[in-house]
Amino acid sequence: MSWTDAAGLAGVLMILVAYAGAALGRLDPKGGWSLLANFVGACGILVSLLLANFNLSSTVMEGAWAAVALIGLARLALKRPG
C-alpha cells in the first residue's frame, strides 16, 4: 500500500467515525471535534485523489466537504470570546 492510499483510507476512517459519532448522538455534528475530523479526513482523501488516483467527481465532493468543515471551524473560532 502506498502512502497516498494510506492517507485516503485514514481520511475515510476519520469521516466515518465522525459520522457514526454524530448519528449515534455521541458527537455534536456542529462541534469542533466533528468538524475537525471531517476537515482532516476530507484532506486525507484529497491527497490520495490529487496525487495518485484522480477522479473529478470525488475530488469535487471532498473539496466541498473540506470547505464546509473549514467554514464551520472558522465560525466556531469567530464565535468564541477571547
PDB file of N, CA and C in Angstrom:
ATOM      1  N   MET A   1       0.843  -1.174   0.000  1.00  0.00           N
ATOM      2  CA  MET A   1       0.000   0.000   0.000  1.00  0.00           C
ATOM      3  C   MET A   1       0.891   1.241   0.000  1.00  0.00           C
ATOM      4  N   SER A   2       0.552   2.183  -0.867  1.00  0.00           N
ATOM      5  CA  SER A   2       1.325   3.419  -0.941  1.00  0.00           C
ATOM      6  C   SER A   2       0.896   4.377   0.169  1.00  0.00           C
ATOM      7  N   TRP A   3       1.704   5.401   0.401  1.00  0.00           N
ATOM      8  CA  TRP A   3       1.361   6.372   1.443  1.00  0.00           C
ATOM      9  C   TRP A   3       0.135   7.183   1.056  1.00  0.00           C
ATOM     10  N   THR A   4      -0.100   7.372  -0.260  1.00  0.00           N
ATOM     11  CA  THR A   4      -1.296   8.107  -0.674  1.00  0.00           C
ATOM     12  C   THR A   4      -2.555   7.278  -0.423  1.00  0.00           C
ATOM     13  N   ASP A   5      -2.462   5.963  -0.629  1.00  0.00           N
ATOM     14  CA  ASP A   5      -3.592   5.085  -0.286  1.00  0.00           C
ATOM     15  C   ASP A   5      -3.854   5.115   1.218  1.00  0.00           C
ATOM     16  N   ALA A   6      -2.791   5.097   2.000  1.00  0.00           N
ATOM     17  CA  ALA A   6      -2.933   5.140   3.458  1.00  0.00           C
ATOM     18  C   ALA A   6      -3.577   6.456   3.897  1.00  0.00           C
ATOM     19  N   ALA A   7      -3.180   7.569   3.270  1.00  0.00           N
ATOM     20  CA  ALA A   7      -3.780   8.866   3.602  1.00  0.00           C
ATOM     21  C   ALA A   7      -5.265   8.868   3.267  1.00  0.00           C
ATOM     22  N   GLY A   8      -5.622   8.321   2.129  1.00  0.00           N
ATOM     23  CA  GLY A   8      -7.029   8.243   1.733  1.00  0.00           C
ATOM     24  C   GLY A   8      -7.844   7.368   2.663  1.00  0.00           C
ATOM     25  N   LEU A   9      -7.302   6.212   3.022  1.00  0.00           N
ATOM     26  CA  LEU A   9      -8.019   5.316   3.933  1.00  0.00           C
ATOM     27  C   LEU A   9      -8.153   5.918   5.330  1.00  0.00           C
ATOM     28  N   ALA A  10      -7.115   6.584   5.801  1.00  0.00           N
ATOM     29  CA  ALA A  10      -7.197   7.258   7.103  1.00  0.00           C
ATOM     30  C   ALA A  10      -8.265   8.349   7.057  1.00  0.00           C
ATOM     31  N   GLY A  11      -8.337   9.067   5.940  1.00  0.00           N
ATOM     32  CA  GLY A  11      -9.363  10.094   5.786  1.00  0.00           C
ATOM     33  C   GLY A  11     -10.766   9.513   5.810  1.00  0.00           C
ATOM     34  N   VAL A  12     -10.959   8.423   5.102  1.00  0.00           N
ATOM     35  CA  VAL A  12     -12.261   7.753   5.102  1.00  0.00           C
ATOM     36  C   VAL A  12     -12.621   7.321   6.519  1.00  0.00           C
ATOM     37  N   LEU A  13     -11.675   6.749   7.236  1.00  0.00           N
ATOM     38  CA  LEU A  13     -11.926   6.296   8.602  1.00  0.00           C
ATOM     39  C   LEU A  13     -12.321   7.472   9.505  1.00  0.00           C
ATOM     40  N   MET A  14     -11.619   8.599   9.372  1.00  0.00           N
ATOM     41  CA  MET A  14     -11.941   9.764  10.202  1.00  0.00           C
ATOM     42  C   MET A  14     -13.354  10.267   9.928  1.00  0.00           C
ATOM     43  N   ILE A  15     -13.725  10.352   8.665  1.00  0.00           N
ATOM     44  CA  ILE A  15     -15.061  10.833   8.320  1.00  0.00           C
ATOM     45  C   ILE A  15     -16.123   9.855   8.803  1.00  0.00           C
ATOM     46  N   LEU A  16     -15.884   8.563   8.653  1.00  0.00           N
ATOM     47  CA  LEU A  16     -16.854   7.567   9.105  1.00  0.00           C
ATOM     48  C   LEU A  16     -17.026   7.570  10.623  1.00  0.00           C
ATOM     49  N   VAL A  17     -15.934   7.737  11.349  1.00  0.00           N
ATOM     50  CA  VAL A  17     -16.014   7.797  12.811  1.00  0.00           C
ATOM     51  C   VAL A  17     -16.796   9.042  13.236  1.00  0.00           C
ATOM     52  N   ALA A  18     -16.530  10.174  12.588  1.00  0.00           N
ATOM     53  CA  ALA A  18     -17.260  11.401  12.912  1.00  0.00           C
ATOM     54  C   ALA A  18     -18.745  11.248  12.581  1.00  0.00           C
ATOM     55  N   TYR A  19     -19.046  10.643  11.459  1.00  0.00           N
ATOM     56  CA  TYR A  19     -20.442  10.437  11.072  1.00  0.00           C
ATOM     57  C   TYR A  19     -21.146   9.493  12.040  1.00  0.00           C
ATOM     58  N   ALA A  20     -20.500   8.400  12.377  1.00  0.00           N
ATOM     59  CA  ALA A  20     -21.098   7.447  13.319  1.00  0.00           C
ATOM     60  C   ALA A  20     -21.312   8.103  14.681  1.00  0.00           C
ATOM     61  N   GLY A  21     -20.323   8.872  15.131  1.00  0.00           N
ATOM     62  CA  GLY A  21     -20.467   9.564  16.405  1.00  0.00           C
ATOM     63  C   GLY A  21     -21.642  10.520  16.404  1.00  0.00           C
ATOM     64  N   ALA A  22     -21.819  11.253  15.302  1.00  0.00           N
ATOM     65  CA  ALA A  22     -22.951  12.183  15.192  1.00  0.00           C
ATOM     66  C   ALA A  22     -24.274  11.427  15.100  1.00  0.00           C
ATOM     67  N   ALA A  23     -24.309  10.371  14.296  1.00  0.00           N
ATOM     68  CA  ALA A  23     -25.545   9.608  14.112  1.00  0.00           C
ATOM     69  C   ALA A  23     -25.983   8.901  15.391  1.00  0.00           C
ATOM     70  N   LEU A  24     -25.025   8.519  16.222  1.00  0.00           N
ATOM     71  CA  LEU A  24     -25.340   7.813  17.468  1.00  0.00           C
ATOM     72  C   LEU A  24     -25.467   8.761  18.659  1.00  0.00           C
ATOM     73  N   GLY A  25     -25.379  10.058  18.402  1.00  0.00           N
ATOM     74  CA  GLY A  25     -25.552  11.041  19.453  1.00  0.00           C
ATOM     75  C   GLY A  25     -24.372  11.181  20.393  1.00  0.00           C
ATOM     76  N   ARG A  26     -23.210  10.709  19.992  1.00  0.00           N
ATOM     77  CA  ARG A  26     -22.020  10.783  20.832  1.00  0.00           C
ATOM     78  C   ARG A  26     -21.131  11.978  20.479  1.00  0.00           C
ATOM     79  N   LEU A  27     -21.422  12.618  19.358  1.00  0.00           N
ATOM     80  CA  LEU A  27     -20.588  13.722  18.884  1.00  0.00           C
ATOM     81  C   LEU A  27     -21.505  14.786  18.276  1.00  0.00           C
ATOM     82  N   ASP A  28     -21.310  16.025  18.670  1.00  0.00           N
ATOM     83  CA  ASP A  28     -22.100  17.127  18.124  1.00  0.00           C
ATOM     84  C   ASP A  28     -21.635  17.403  16.703  1.00  0.00           C
ATOM     85  N   PRO A  29     -22.509  17.247  15.699  1.00  0.00           N
ATOM     86  CA  PRO A  29     -22.074  17.441  14.318  1.00  0.00           C
ATOM     87  C   PRO A  29     -21.635  18.872  14.015  1.00  0.00           C
ATOM     88  N   LYS A  30     -22.036  19.837  14.848  1.00  0.00           N
ATOM     89  CA  LYS A  30     -21.620  21.227  14.659  1.00  0.00           C
ATOM     90  C   LYS A  30     -20.469  21.598  15.590  1.00  0.00           C
ATOM     91  N   GLY A  31     -19.986  20.618  16.343  1.00  0.00           N
ATOM     92  CA  GLY A  31     -18.905  20.858  17.288  1.00  0.00           C
ATOM     93  C   GLY A  31     -17.534  20.794  16.638  1.00  0.00           C
ATOM     94  N   GLY A  32     -16.570  21.320  17.361  1.00  0.00           N
ATOM     95  CA  GLY A  32     -15.216  21.404  16.838  1.00  0.00           C
ATOM     96  C   GLY A  32     -14.588  20.074  16.482  1.00  0.00           C
ATOM     97  N   TRP A  33     -14.765  19.063  17.334  1.00  0.00           N
ATOM     98  CA  TRP A  33     -14.129  17.765  17.054  1.00  0.00           C
ATOM     99  C   TRP A  33     -14.692  17.123  15.798  1.00  0.00           C
ATOM    100  N   SER A  34     -16.002  17.219  15.630  1.00  0.00           N
ATOM    101  CA  SER A  34     -16.629  16.644  14.442  1.00  0.00           C
ATOM    102  C   SER A  34     -16.187  17.373  13.180  1.00  0.00           C
ATOM    103  N   LEU A  35     -16.197  18.699  13.231  1.00  0.00           N
ATOM    104  CA  LEU A  35     -15.776  19.486  12.072  1.00  0.00           C
ATOM    105  C   LEU A  35     -14.306  19.259  11.744  1.00  0.00           C
ATOM    106  N   LEU A  36     -13.481  19.171  12.778  1.00  0.00           N
ATOM    107  CA  LEU A  36     -12.052  18.926  12.558  1.00  0.00           C
ATOM    108  C   LEU A  36     -11.815  17.552  11.929  1.00  0.00           C
ATOM    109  N   ALA A  37     -12.516  16.540  12.437  1.00  0.00           N
ATOM    110  CA  ALA A  37     -12.377  15.190  11.873  1.00  0.00           C
ATOM    111  C   ALA A  37     -12.810  15.168  10.416  1.00  0.00           C
ATOM    112  N   ASN A  38     -13.901  15.870  10.094  1.00  0.00           N
ATOM    113  CA  ASN A  38     -14.359  15.927   8.709  1.00  0.00           C
ATOM    114  C   ASN A  38     -13.378  16.676   7.821  1.00  0.00           C
ATOM    115  N   PHE A  39     -12.818  17.775   8.319  1.00  0.00           N
ATOM    116  CA  PHE A  39     -11.846  18.542   7.526  1.00  0.00           C
ATOM    117  C   PHE A  39     -10.574  17.729   7.266  1.00  0.00           C
ATOM    118  N   VAL A  40     -10.006  17.171   8.321  1.00  0.00           N
ATOM    119  CA  VAL A  40      -8.765  16.402   8.169  1.00  0.00           C
ATOM    120  C   VAL A  40      -9.016  15.156   7.318  1.00  0.00           C
ATOM    121  N   GLY A  41     -10.149  14.510   7.537  1.00  0.00           N
ATOM    122  CA  GLY A  41     -10.488  13.329   6.748  1.00  0.00           C
ATOM    123  C   GLY A  41     -10.621  13.643   5.266  1.00  0.00           C
ATOM    124  N   ALA A  42     -11.340  14.720   4.954  1.00  0.00           N
ATOM    125  CA  ALA A  42     -11.503  15.115   3.551  1.00  0.00           C
ATOM    126  C   ALA A  42     -10.160  15.481   2.930  1.00  0.00           C
ATOM    127  N   CYS A  43      -9.298  16.137   3.700  1.00  0.00           N
ATOM    128  CA  CYS A  43      -7.966  16.476   3.182  1.00  0.00           C
ATOM    129  C   CYS A  43      -7.144  15.220   2.903  1.00  0.00           C
ATOM    130  N   GLY A  44      -7.261  14.215   3.755  1.00  0.00           N
ATOM    131  CA  GLY A  44      -6.558  12.950   3.507  1.00  0.00           C
ATOM    132  C   GLY A  44      -7.030  12.283   2.226  1.00  0.00           C
ATOM    133  N   ILE A  45      -8.330  12.297   2.004  1.00  0.00           N
ATOM    134  CA  ILE A  45      -8.874  11.723   0.777  1.00  0.00           C
ATOM    135  C   ILE A  45      -8.419  12.547  -0.432  1.00  0.00           C
ATOM    136  N   LEU A  46      -8.411  13.872  -0.284  1.00  0.00           N
ATOM    137  CA  LEU A  46      -7.948  14.727  -1.384  1.00  0.00           C
ATOM    138  C   LEU A  46      -6.497  14.454  -1.742  1.00  0.00           C
ATOM    139  N   VAL A  47      -5.659  14.209  -0.749  1.00  0.00           N
ATOM    140  CA  VAL A  47      -4.256  13.867  -1.023  1.00  0.00           C
ATOM    141  C   VAL A  47      -4.195  12.634  -1.920  1.00  0.00           C
ATOM    142  N   SER A  48      -4.965  11.633  -1.574  1.00  0.00           N
ATOM    143  CA  SER A  48      -4.985  10.405  -2.362  1.00  0.00           C
ATOM    144  C   SER A  48      -5.501  10.660  -3.779  1.00  0.00           C
ATOM    145  N   LEU A  49      -6.543  11.472  -3.882  1.00  0.00           N
ATOM    146  CA  LEU A  49      -7.121  11.752  -5.202  1.00  0.00           C
ATOM    147  C   LEU A  49      -6.213  12.606  -6.076  1.00  0.00           C
ATOM    148  N   LEU A  50      -5.603  13.603  -5.479  1.00  0.00           N
ATOM    149  CA  LEU A  50      -4.814  14.541  -6.278  1.00  0.00           C
ATOM    150  C   LEU A  50      -3.428  14.021  -6.628  1.00  0.00           C
ATOM    151  N   LEU A  51      -2.872  13.167  -5.786  1.00  0.00           N
ATOM    152  CA  LEU A  51      -1.506  12.698  -6.028  1.00  0.00           C
ATOM    153  C   LEU A  51      -1.409  11.300  -6.630  1.00  0.00           C
ATOM    154  N   ALA A  52      -2.507  10.547  -6.572  1.00  0.00           N
ATOM    155  CA  ALA A  52      -2.386   9.170  -7.051  1.00  0.00           C
ATOM    156  C   ALA A  52      -3.530   8.722  -7.948  1.00  0.00           C
ATOM    157  N   ASN A  53      -4.732   8.881  -7.513  1.00  0.00           N
ATOM    158  CA  ASN A  53      -5.876   8.283  -8.211  1.00  0.00           C
ATOM    159  C   ASN A  53      -6.939   9.329  -8.507  1.00  0.00           C
ATOM    160  N   PHE A  54      -6.652  10.261  -9.412  1.00  0.00           N
ATOM    161  CA  PHE A  54      -7.572  11.366  -9.668  1.00  0.00           C
ATOM    162  C   PHE A  54      -8.916  10.883 -10.174  1.00  0.00           C
ATOM    163  N   ASN A  55      -9.964  11.464  -9.587  1.00  0.00           N
ATOM    164  CA  ASN A  55     -11.335  11.256 -10.024  1.00  0.00           C
ATOM    165  C   ASN A  55     -12.040  12.584  -9.812  1.00  0.00           C
ATOM    166  N   LEU A  56     -12.527  13.194 -10.885  1.00  0.00           N
ATOM    167  CA  LEU A  56     -13.062  14.550 -10.805  1.00  0.00           C
ATOM    168  C   LEU A  56     -14.238  14.664  -9.841  1.00  0.00           C
ATOM    169  N   SER A  57     -15.217  13.792  -9.959  1.00  0.00           N
ATOM    170  CA  SER A  57     -16.402  13.915  -9.104  1.00  0.00           C
ATOM    171  C   SER A  57     -16.049  13.705  -7.637  1.00  0.00           C
ATOM    172  N   SER A  58     -15.187  12.774  -7.334  1.00  0.00           N
ATOM    173  CA  SER A  58     -14.768  12.555  -5.950  1.00  0.00           C
ATOM    174  C   SER A  58     -13.943  13.723  -5.425  1.00  0.00           C
ATOM    175  N   THR A  59     -13.121  14.307  -6.272  1.00  0.00           N
ATOM    176  CA  THR A  59     -12.314  15.456  -5.873  1.00  0.00           C
ATOM    177  C   THR A  59     -13.206  16.653  -5.557  1.00  0.00           C
ATOM    178  N   VAL A  60     -14.212  16.886  -6.386  1.00  0.00           N
ATOM    179  CA  VAL A  60     -15.151  17.980  -6.127  1.00  0.00           C
ATOM    180  C   VAL A  60     -15.901  17.728  -4.821  1.00  0.00           C
ATOM    181  N   MET A  61     -16.357  16.509  -4.603  1.00  0.00           N
ATOM    182  CA  MET A  61     -17.092  16.172  -3.383  1.00  0.00           C
ATOM    183  C   MET A  61     -16.222  16.389  -2.143  1.00  0.00           C
ATOM    184  N   GLU A  62     -15.021  15.881  -2.152  1.00  0.00           N
ATOM    185  CA  GLU A  62     -14.152  16.014  -0.979  1.00  0.00           C
ATOM    186  C   GLU A  62     -13.684  17.453  -0.780  1.00  0.00           C
ATOM    187  N   GLY A  63     -13.489  18.179  -1.871  1.00  0.00           N
ATOM    188  CA  GLY A  63     -13.143  19.590  -1.749  1.00  0.00           C
ATOM    189  C   GLY A  63     -14.271  20.375  -1.099  1.00  0.00           C
ATOM    190  N   ALA A  64     -15.500  20.087  -1.506  1.00  0.00           N
ATOM    191  CA  ALA A  64     -16.660  20.745  -0.898  1.00  0.00           C
ATOM    192  C   ALA A  64     -16.795  20.338   0.571  1.00  0.00           C
ATOM    193  N   TRP A  65     -16.577  19.063   0.867  1.00  0.00           N
ATOM    194  CA  TRP A  65     -16.658  18.557   2.242  1.00  0.00           C
ATOM    195  C   TRP A  65     -15.648  19.280   3.130  1.00  0.00           C
ATOM    196  N   ALA A  66     -14.432  19.418   2.638  1.00  0.00           N
ATOM    197  CA  ALA A  66     -13.384  20.111   3.394  1.00  0.00           C
ATOM    198  C   ALA A  66     -13.733  21.587   3.568  1.00  0.00           C
ATOM    199  N   ALA A  67     -14.257  22.226   2.518  1.00  0.00           N
ATOM    200  CA  ALA A  67     -14.601  23.650   2.594  1.00  0.00           C
ATOM    201  C   ALA A  67     -15.713  23.898   3.607  1.00  0.00           C
ATOM    202  N   VAL A  68     -16.741  23.070   3.595  1.00  0.00           N
ATOM    203  CA  VAL A  68     -17.841  23.235   4.552  1.00  0.00           C
ATOM    204  C   VAL A  68     -17.337  23.053   5.977  1.00  0.00           C
ATOM    205  N   ALA A  69     -16.515  22.040   6.195  1.00  0.00           N
ATOM    206  CA  ALA A  69     -15.969  21.809   7.539  1.00  0.00           C
ATOM    207  C   ALA A  69     -15.080  22.974   7.967  1.00  0.00           C
ATOM    208  N   LEU A  70     -14.286  23.492   7.053  1.00  0.00           N
ATOM    209  CA  LEU A  70     -13.403  24.620   7.376  1.00  0.00           C
ATOM    210  C   LEU A  70     -14.215  25.877   7.704  1.00  0.00           C
ATOM    211  N   ILE A  71     -15.281  26.125   6.970  1.00  0.00           N
ATOM    212  CA  ILE A  71     -16.161  27.257   7.265  1.00  0.00           C
ATOM    213  C   ILE A  71     -16.785  27.087   8.650  1.00  0.00           C
ATOM    214  N   GLY A  72     -17.227  25.870   8.962  1.00  0.00           N
ATOM    215  CA  GLY A  72     -17.778  25.606  10.293  1.00  0.00           C
ATOM    216  C   GLY A  72     -16.760  25.850  11.391  1.00  0.00           C
ATOM    217  N   LEU A  73     -15.533  25.428  11.175  1.00  0.00           N
ATOM    218  CA  LEU A  73     -14.468  25.662  12.159  1.00  0.00           C
ATOM    219  C   LEU A  73     -14.180  27.160  12.315  1.00  0.00           C
ATOM    220  N   ALA A  74     -14.177  27.883  11.205  1.00  0.00           N
ATOM    221  CA  ALA A  74     -13.929  29.329  11.264  1.00  0.00           C
ATOM    222  C   ALA A  74     -15.048  30.034  12.020  1.00  0.00           C
ATOM    223  N   ARG A  75     -16.275  29.622  11.786  1.00  0.00           N
ATOM    224  CA  ARG A  75     -17.406  30.221  12.506  1.00  0.00           C
ATOM    225  C   ARG A  75     -17.314  29.945  13.991  1.00  0.00           C
ATOM    226  N   LEU A  76     -16.917  28.744  14.350  1.00  0.00           N
ATOM    227  CA  LEU A  76     -16.723  28.434  15.777  1.00  0.00           C
ATOM    228  C   LEU A  76     -15.638  29.308  16.381  1.00  0.00           C
ATOM    229  N   ALA A  77     -14.550  29.463  15.669  1.00  0.00           N
ATOM    230  CA  ALA A  77     -13.425  30.266  16.174  1.00  0.00           C
ATOM    231  C   ALA A  77     -13.822  31.727  16.346  1.00  0.00           C
ATOM    232  N   LEU A  78     -14.608  32.248  15.424  1.00  0.00           N
ATOM    233  CA  LEU A  78     -15.015  33.647  15.495  1.00  0.00           C
ATOM    234  C   LEU A  78     -16.091  33.885  16.550  1.00  0.00           C
ATOM    235  N   LYS A  79     -16.855  32.849  16.855  1.00  0.00           N
ATOM    236  CA  LYS A  79     -17.947  32.965  17.825  1.00  0.00           C
ATOM    237  C   LYS A  79     -17.449  32.958  19.266  1.00  0.00           C
ATOM    238  N   ARG A  80     -16.332  32.318  19.501  1.00  0.00           N
ATOM    239  CA  ARG A  80     -15.800  32.180  20.857  1.00  0.00           C
ATOM    240  C   ARG A  80     -15.225  33.502  21.364  1.00  0.00           C
ATOM    241  N   PRO A  81     -15.564  33.865  22.594  1.00  0.00           N
ATOM    242  CA  PRO A  81     -14.985  35.088  23.157  1.00  0.00           C
ATOM    243  C   PRO A  81     -13.517  34.881  23.519  1.00  0.00           C
ATOM    244  N   GLY A  82     -12.765  35.969  23.447  1.00  0.00           N
ATOM    245  CA  GLY A  82     -11.421  35.865  23.963  1.00  0.00           C
ATOM    246  C   GLY A  82     -10.362  36.071  23.010  1.00  0.00           C
TER     247      GLY A  82
END
